[in-house]
Each structure stands twice: as C-alpha cells, then as structure tokens.
Amino acid sequence: MFGFTEEQVANFGMTFGLGAFMLYMLFIIGELAYRSKAGKVGTFALFFVLAFGMLGFVAKTIIEKMWGI
C-alpha cells in the first residue's frame, strides 16, 4: 500500500494508532470523572484502575526497545 510493506503498516498502527487510541481513552476517563463529580480521590481511583492496563502495554514497548527485540 503506497510503497509500504505490510510490516511497516502494522508497526505504524501499533505505535501511533494505539497511542492515539490510548490518549482518547484517557480523555474518556477524565470526562467520566468530571461528569460523575468523582472528586480528587475518585478521579485518582478511576485513572489508576482504568489506565493500569495501558501502563502494561507501554512498559512492554519500552522493554522491547531496550532489549532490542
């Protein structure tokens, strides 16, 4: 597609596509906390619990870059 290999397109989607999706999910969590009037502790709990899975994905990417996998 447009001179790119399938591997290059997949790599672009995994880095920038999922990165943009994760930022959008953080926006949704913030909006949820705002509309529910969660307060400071509730907002922290929402971000901690709901964004914890994204932290694992970011950590996996960093470990792959450091080890050269």
PDB file of N, CA and C in Angstrom:
ATOM      1  N   MET A   1       0.845  -1.169   0.000  1.00  0.00           N
ATOM      2  CA  MET A   1       0.000   0.000   0.000  1.00  0.00           C
ATOM      3  C   MET A   1       0.894   1.237   0.000  1.00  0.00           C
ATOM      4  N   PHE A   2       0.829   2.036  -1.040  1.00  0.00           N
ATOM      5  CA  PHE A   2       1.579   3.284  -1.174  1.00  0.00           C
ATOM      6  C   PHE A   2       3.079   3.073  -0.994  1.00  0.00           C
ATOM      7  N   GLY A   3       3.593   1.917  -1.379  1.00  0.00           N
ATOM      8  CA  GLY A   3       5.020   1.644  -1.278  1.00  0.00           C
ATOM      9  C   GLY A   3       5.482   1.164   0.079  1.00  0.00           C
ATOM     10  N   PHE A   4       4.575   0.895   0.994  1.00  0.00           N
ATOM     11  CA  PHE A   4       4.934   0.394   2.315  1.00  0.00           C
ATOM     12  C   PHE A   4       4.670  -1.102   2.377  1.00  0.00           C
ATOM     13  N   THR A   5       5.494  -1.798   3.137  1.00  0.00           N
ATOM     14  CA  THR A   5       5.268  -3.225   3.326  1.00  0.00           C
ATOM     15  C   THR A   5       4.203  -3.428   4.402  1.00  0.00           C
ATOM     16  N   GLU A   6       3.722  -4.633   4.489  1.00  0.00           N
ATOM     17  CA  GLU A   6       2.707  -4.951   5.500  1.00  0.00           C
ATOM     18  C   GLU A   6       3.267  -4.776   6.909  1.00  0.00           C
ATOM     19  N   GLU A   7       4.537  -5.113   7.088  1.00  0.00           N
ATOM     20  CA  GLU A   7       5.170  -4.962   8.395  1.00  0.00           C
ATOM     21  C   GLU A   7       5.259  -3.494   8.810  1.00  0.00           C
ATOM     22  N   GLN A   8       5.577  -2.611   7.861  1.00  0.00           N
ATOM     23  CA  GLN A   8       5.668  -1.184   8.176  1.00  0.00           C
ATOM     24  C   GLN A   8       4.300  -0.603   8.539  1.00  0.00           C
ATOM     25  N   VAL A   9       3.274  -1.008   7.837  1.00  0.00           N
ATOM     26  CA  VAL A   9       1.920  -0.526   8.139  1.00  0.00           C
ATOM     27  C   VAL A   9       1.470  -1.024   9.503  1.00  0.00           C
ATOM     28  N   ALA A  10       1.743  -2.298   9.795  1.00  0.00           N
ATOM     29  CA  ALA A  10       1.369  -2.859  11.094  1.00  0.00           C
ATOM     30  C   ALA A  10       2.133  -2.182  12.225  1.00  0.00           C
ATOM     31  N   ASN A  11       3.412  -1.912  12.017  1.00  0.00           N
ATOM     32  CA  ASN A  11       4.213  -1.245  13.045  1.00  0.00           C
ATOM     33  C   ASN A  11       3.705   0.172  13.290  1.00  0.00           C
ATOM     34  N   PHE A  12       3.353   0.880  12.240  1.00  0.00           N
ATOM     35  CA  PHE A  12       2.803   2.229  12.383  1.00  0.00           C
ATOM     36  C   PHE A  12       1.486   2.192  13.157  1.00  0.00           C
ATOM     37  N   GLY A  13       0.628   1.239  12.827  1.00  0.00           N
ATOM     38  CA  GLY A  13      -0.651   1.121  13.519  1.00  0.00           C
ATOM     39  C   GLY A  13      -0.486   0.764  14.988  1.00  0.00           C
ATOM     40  N   MET A  14       0.485  -0.086  15.294  1.00  0.00           N
ATOM     41  CA  MET A  14       0.699  -0.489  16.683  1.00  0.00           C
ATOM     42  C   MET A  14       1.283   0.637  17.522  1.00  0.00           C
ATOM     43  N   THR A  15       2.078   1.512  16.924  1.00  0.00           N
ATOM     44  CA  THR A  15       2.684   2.581  17.711  1.00  0.00           C
ATOM     45  C   THR A  15       1.792   3.817  17.741  1.00  0.00           C
ATOM     46  N   PHE A  16       1.548   4.408  16.609  1.00  0.00           N
ATOM     47  CA  PHE A  16       0.795   5.667  16.568  1.00  0.00           C
ATOM     48  C   PHE A  16      -0.712   5.462  16.687  1.00  0.00           C
ATOM     49  N   GLY A  17      -1.231   4.428  16.070  1.00  0.00           N
ATOM     50  CA  GLY A  17      -2.670   4.168  16.140  1.00  0.00           C
ATOM     51  C   GLY A  17      -3.118   3.828  17.550  1.00  0.00           C
ATOM     52  N   LEU A  18      -2.419   2.912  18.185  1.00  0.00           N
ATOM     53  CA  LEU A  18      -2.778   2.552  19.553  1.00  0.00           C
ATOM     54  C   LEU A  18      -2.437   3.667  20.535  1.00  0.00           C
ATOM     55  N   GLY A  19      -1.371   4.414  20.257  1.00  0.00           N
ATOM     56  CA  GLY A  19      -1.040   5.558  21.106  1.00  0.00           C
ATOM     57  C   GLY A  19      -2.140   6.605  21.094  1.00  0.00           C
ATOM     58  N   ALA A  20      -2.661   6.897  19.904  1.00  0.00           N
ATOM     59  CA  ALA A  20      -3.765   7.853  19.797  1.00  0.00           C
ATOM     60  C   ALA A  20      -5.016   7.311  20.478  1.00  0.00           C
ATOM     61  N   PHE A  21      -5.269   6.030  20.336  1.00  0.00           N
ATOM     62  CA  PHE A  21      -6.427   5.414  20.982  1.00  0.00           C
ATOM     63  C   PHE A  21      -6.300   5.466  22.505  1.00  0.00           C
ATOM     64  N   MET A  22      -5.088   5.268  23.025  1.00  0.00           N
ATOM     65  CA  MET A  22      -4.875   5.325  24.464  1.00  0.00           C
ATOM     66  C   MET A  22      -5.079   6.744  24.987  1.00  0.00           C
ATOM     67  N   LEU A  23      -4.628   7.748  24.249  1.00  0.00           N
ATOM     68  CA  LEU A  23      -4.876   9.134  24.652  1.00  0.00           C
ATOM     69  C   LEU A  23      -6.373   9.438  24.661  1.00  0.00           C
ATOM     70  N   TYR A  24      -7.089   8.916  23.685  1.00  0.00           N
ATOM     71  CA  TYR A  24      -8.539   9.111  23.636  1.00  0.00           C
ATOM     72  C   TYR A  24      -9.215   8.437  24.839  1.00  0.00           C
ATOM     73  N   MET A  25      -8.732   7.259  25.210  1.00  0.00           N
ATOM     74  CA  MET A  25      -9.301   6.581  26.379  1.00  0.00           C
ATOM     75  C   MET A  25      -9.031   7.367  27.656  1.00  0.00           C
ATOM     76  N   LEU A  26      -7.857   8.005  27.767  1.00  0.00           N
ATOM     77  CA  LEU A  26      -7.587   8.860  28.927  1.00  0.00           C
ATOM     78  C   LEU A  26      -8.549  10.042  28.964  1.00  0.00           C
ATOM     79  N   PHE A  27      -8.855  10.604  27.800  1.00  0.00           N
ATOM     80  CA  PHE A  27      -9.842  11.681  27.725  1.00  0.00           C
ATOM     81  C   PHE A  27     -11.203  11.186  28.198  1.00  0.00           C
ATOM     82  N   ILE A  28     -11.594  10.002  27.795  1.00  0.00           N
ATOM     83  CA  ILE A  28     -12.883   9.439  28.202  1.00  0.00           C
ATOM     84  C   ILE A  28     -12.921   9.225  29.715  1.00  0.00           C
ATOM     85  N   ILE A  29     -11.818   8.729  30.294  1.00  0.00           N
ATOM     86  CA  ILE A  29     -11.768   8.524  31.744  1.00  0.00           C
ATOM     87  C   ILE A  29     -11.908   9.859  32.457  1.00  0.00           C
ATOM     88  N   GLY A  30     -11.219  10.886  31.980  1.00  0.00           N
ATOM     89  CA  GLY A  30     -11.323  12.220  32.574  1.00  0.00           C
ATOM     90  C   GLY A  30     -12.724  12.784  32.470  1.00  0.00           C
ATOM     91  N   GLU A  31     -13.349  12.591  31.341  1.00  0.00           N
ATOM     92  CA  GLU A  31     -14.731  13.054  31.148  1.00  0.00           C
ATOM     93  C   GLU A  31     -15.689  12.311  32.076  1.00  0.00           C
ATOM     94  N   LEU A  32     -15.458  11.016  32.242  1.00  0.00           N
ATOM     95  CA  LEU A  32     -16.276  10.220  33.152  1.00  0.00           C
ATOM     96  C   LEU A  32     -16.133  10.715  34.591  1.00  0.00           C
ATOM     97  N   ALA A  33     -14.910  11.015  34.998  1.00  0.00           N
ATOM     98  CA  ALA A  33     -14.681  11.516  36.352  1.00  0.00           C
ATOM     99  C   ALA A  33     -15.329  12.887  36.535  1.00  0.00           C
ATOM    100  N   TYR A  34     -15.255  13.736  35.522  1.00  0.00           N
ATOM    101  CA  TYR A  34     -15.826  15.072  35.616  1.00  0.00           C
ATOM    102  C   TYR A  34     -17.352  15.023  35.710  1.00  0.00           C
ATOM    103  N   ARG A  35     -17.973  14.228  34.842  1.00  0.00           N
ATOM    104  CA  ARG A  35     -19.442  14.178  34.817  1.00  0.00           C
ATOM    105  C   ARG A  35     -20.030  13.483  36.038  1.00  0.00           C
ATOM    106  N   SER A  36     -19.269  12.575  36.644  1.00  0.00           N
ATOM    107  CA  SER A  36     -19.785  11.884  37.819  1.00  0.00           C
ATOM    108  C   SER A  36     -19.448  12.627  39.113  1.00  0.00           C
ATOM    109  N   LYS A  37     -18.735  13.754  38.981  1.00  0.00           N
ATOM    110  CA  LYS A  37     -18.329  14.550  40.145  1.00  0.00           C
ATOM    111  C   LYS A  37     -17.610  13.661  41.161  1.00  0.00           C
ATOM    112  N   ALA A  38     -16.591  12.948  40.685  1.00  0.00           N
ATOM    113  CA  ALA A  38     -15.908  11.942  41.489  1.00  0.00           C
ATOM    114  C   ALA A  38     -15.026  12.538  42.578  1.00  0.00           C
ATOM    115  N   GLY A  39     -14.603  13.764  42.444  1.00  0.00           N
ATOM    116  CA  GLY A  39     -13.699  14.341  43.430  1.00  0.00           C
ATOM    117  C   GLY A  39     -12.265  13.917  43.150  1.00  0.00           C
ATOM    118  N   LYS A  40     -11.355  14.350  44.002  1.00  0.00           N
ATOM    119  CA  LYS A  40      -9.939  14.071  43.756  1.00  0.00           C
ATOM    120  C   LYS A  40      -9.605  12.591  43.941  1.00  0.00           C
ATOM    121  N   VAL A  41     -10.088  11.998  45.006  1.00  0.00           N
ATOM    122  CA  VAL A  41      -9.787  10.589  45.280  1.00  0.00           C
ATOM    123  C   VAL A  41     -10.465   9.691  44.249  1.00  0.00           C
ATOM    124  N   GLY A  42     -11.699   9.995  43.929  1.00  0.00           N
ATOM    125  CA  GLY A  42     -12.412   9.200  42.930  1.00  0.00           C
ATOM    126  C   GLY A  42     -11.790   9.311  41.551  1.00  0.00           C
ATOM    127  N   THR A  43     -11.354  10.504  41.194  1.00  0.00           N
ATOM    128  CA  THR A  43     -10.695  10.696  39.895  1.00  0.00           C
ATOM    129  C   THR A  43      -9.390   9.920  39.855  1.00  0.00           C
ATOM    130  N   PHE A  44      -8.620   9.981  40.950  1.00  0.00           N
ATOM    131  CA  PHE A  44      -7.381   9.206  41.013  1.00  0.00           C
ATOM    132  C   PHE A  44      -7.664   7.715  40.883  1.00  0.00           C
ATOM    133  N   ALA A  45      -8.691   7.240  41.576  1.00  0.00           N
ATOM    134  CA  ALA A  45      -9.039   5.823  41.517  1.00  0.00           C
ATOM    135  C   ALA A  45      -9.441   5.419  40.103  1.00  0.00           C
ATOM    136  N   LEU A  46     -10.234   6.254  39.437  1.00  0.00           N
ATOM    137  CA  LEU A  46     -10.637   5.953  38.066  1.00  0.00           C
ATOM    138  C   LEU A  46      -9.425   5.874  37.139  1.00  0.00           C
ATOM    139  N   PHE A  47      -8.559   6.871  37.211  1.00  0.00           N
ATOM    140  CA  PHE A  47      -7.387   6.858  36.343  1.00  0.00           C
ATOM    141  C   PHE A  47      -6.467   5.687  36.670  1.00  0.00           C
ATOM    142  N   PHE A  48      -6.266   5.399  37.954  1.00  0.00           N
ATOM    143  CA  PHE A  48      -5.371   4.308  38.339  1.00  0.00           C
ATOM    144  C   PHE A  48      -5.897   2.965  37.857  1.00  0.00           C
ATOM    145  N   VAL A  49      -7.148   2.695  38.117  1.00  0.00           N
ATOM    146  CA  VAL A  49      -7.712   1.386  37.790  1.00  0.00           C
ATOM    147  C   VAL A  49      -7.915   1.226  36.288  1.00  0.00           C
ATOM    148  N   LEU A  50      -8.513   2.218  35.649  1.00  0.00           N
ATOM    149  CA  LEU A  50      -8.847   2.063  34.238  1.00  0.00           C
ATOM    150  C   LEU A  50      -7.647   2.239  33.311  1.00  0.00           C
ATOM    151  N   ALA A  51      -6.633   2.969  33.741  1.00  0.00           N
ATOM    152  CA  ALA A  51      -5.466   3.179  32.884  1.00  0.00           C
ATOM    153  C   ALA A  51      -4.331   2.213  33.210  1.00  0.00           C
ATOM    154  N   PHE A  52      -4.515   1.330  34.175  1.00  0.00           N
ATOM    155  CA  PHE A  52      -3.454   0.418  34.577  1.00  0.00           C
ATOM    156  C   PHE A  52      -3.074  -0.541  33.449  1.00  0.00           C
ATOM    157  N   GLY A  53      -4.023  -0.986  32.661  1.00  0.00           N
ATOM    158  CA  GLY A  53      -3.735  -1.878  31.539  1.00  0.00           C
ATOM    159  C   GLY A  53      -2.906  -1.206  30.465  1.00  0.00           C
ATOM    160  N   MET A  54      -3.118   0.080  30.267  1.00  0.00           N
ATOM    161  CA  MET A  54      -2.329   0.819  29.279  1.00  0.00           C
ATOM    162  C   MET A  54      -0.875   0.914  29.718  1.00  0.00           C
ATOM    163  N   LEU A  55      -0.645   0.990  31.017  1.00  0.00           N
ATOM    164  CA  LEU A  55       0.717   1.058  31.543  1.00  0.00           C
ATOM    165  C   LEU A  55       1.489  -0.206  31.178  1.00  0.00           C
ATOM    166  N   GLY A  56       0.841  -1.337  31.214  1.00  0.00           N
ATOM    167  CA  GLY A  56       1.486  -2.597  30.831  1.00  0.00           C
ATOM    168  C   GLY A  56       1.884  -2.599  29.368  1.00  0.00           C
ATOM    169  N   PHE A  57       1.045  -2.065  28.506  1.00  0.00           N
ATOM    170  CA  PHE A  57       1.371  -2.006  27.081  1.00  0.00           C
ATOM    171  C   PHE A  57       2.561  -1.082  26.837  1.00  0.00           C
ATOM    172  N   VAL A  58       2.592   0.051  27.526  1.00  0.00           N
ATOM    173  CA  VAL A  58       3.711   0.986  27.376  1.00  0.00           C
ATOM    174  C   VAL A  58       4.996   0.357  27.908  1.00  0.00           C
ATOM    175  N   ALA A  59       4.906  -0.332  29.042  1.00  0.00           N
ATOM    176  CA  ALA A  59       6.081  -0.993  29.611  1.00  0.00           C
ATOM    177  C   ALA A  59       6.611  -2.069  28.663  1.00  0.00           C
ATOM    178  N   LYS A  60       5.725  -2.814  28.032  1.00  0.00           N
ATOM    179  CA  LYS A  60       6.140  -3.845  27.077  1.00  0.00           C
ATOM    180  C   LYS A  60       6.896  -3.223  25.916  1.00  0.00           C
ATOM    181  N   THR A  61       6.422  -2.101  25.423  1.00  0.00           N
ATOM    182  CA  THR A  61       7.085  -1.421  24.312  1.00  0.00           C
ATOM    183  C   THR A  61       8.466  -0.927  24.719  1.00  0.00           C
ATOM    184  N   ILE A  62       8.576  -0.359  25.912  1.00  0.00           N
ATOM    185  CA  ILE A  62       9.869   0.145  26.388  1.00  0.00           C
ATOM    186  C   ILE A  62      10.854  -1.010  26.580  1.00  0.00           C
ATOM    187  N   ILE A  63      10.398  -2.117  27.149  1.00  0.00           N
ATOM    188  CA  ILE A  63      11.274  -3.276  27.350  1.00  0.00           C
ATOM    189  C   ILE A  63      11.733  -3.842  26.022  1.00  0.00           C
ATOM    190  N   GLU A  64      10.849  -3.900  25.029  1.00  0.00           N
ATOM    191  CA  GLU A  64      11.244  -4.394  23.707  1.00  0.00           C
ATOM    192  C   GLU A  64      12.308  -3.505  23.089  1.00  0.00           C
ATOM    193  N   LYS A  65      12.178  -2.181  23.234  1.00  0.00           N
ATOM    194  CA  LYS A  65      13.176  -1.254  22.684  1.00  0.00           C
ATOM    195  C   LYS A  65      14.505  -1.397  23.405  1.00  0.00           C
ATOM    196  N   MET A  66      14.477  -1.562  24.739  1.00  0.00           N
ATOM    197  CA  MET A  66      15.713  -1.668  25.498  1.00  0.00           C
ATOM    198  C   MET A  66      16.461  -2.974  25.189  1.00  0.00           C
ATOM    199  N   TRP A  67      15.748  -4.058  25.039  1.00  0.00           N
ATOM    200  CA  TRP A  67      16.377  -5.345  24.790  1.00  0.00           C
ATOM    201  C   TRP A  67      16.615  -5.622  23.312  1.00  0.00           C
ATOM    202  N   GLY A  68      16.070  -4.768  22.449  1.00  0.00           N
ATOM    203  CA  GLY A  68      16.268  -4.936  21.015  1.00  0.00           C
ATOM    204  C   GLY A  68      15.491  -6.099  20.425  1.00  0.00           C
ATOM    205  N   ILE A  69      14.335  -6.376  20.977  1.00  0.00           N
ATOM    206  CA  ILE A  69      13.510  -7.489  20.493  1.00  0.00           C
ATOM    207  C   ILE A  69      12.715  -7.042  19.295  1.00  0.00           C
TER     208      ILE A  69
END
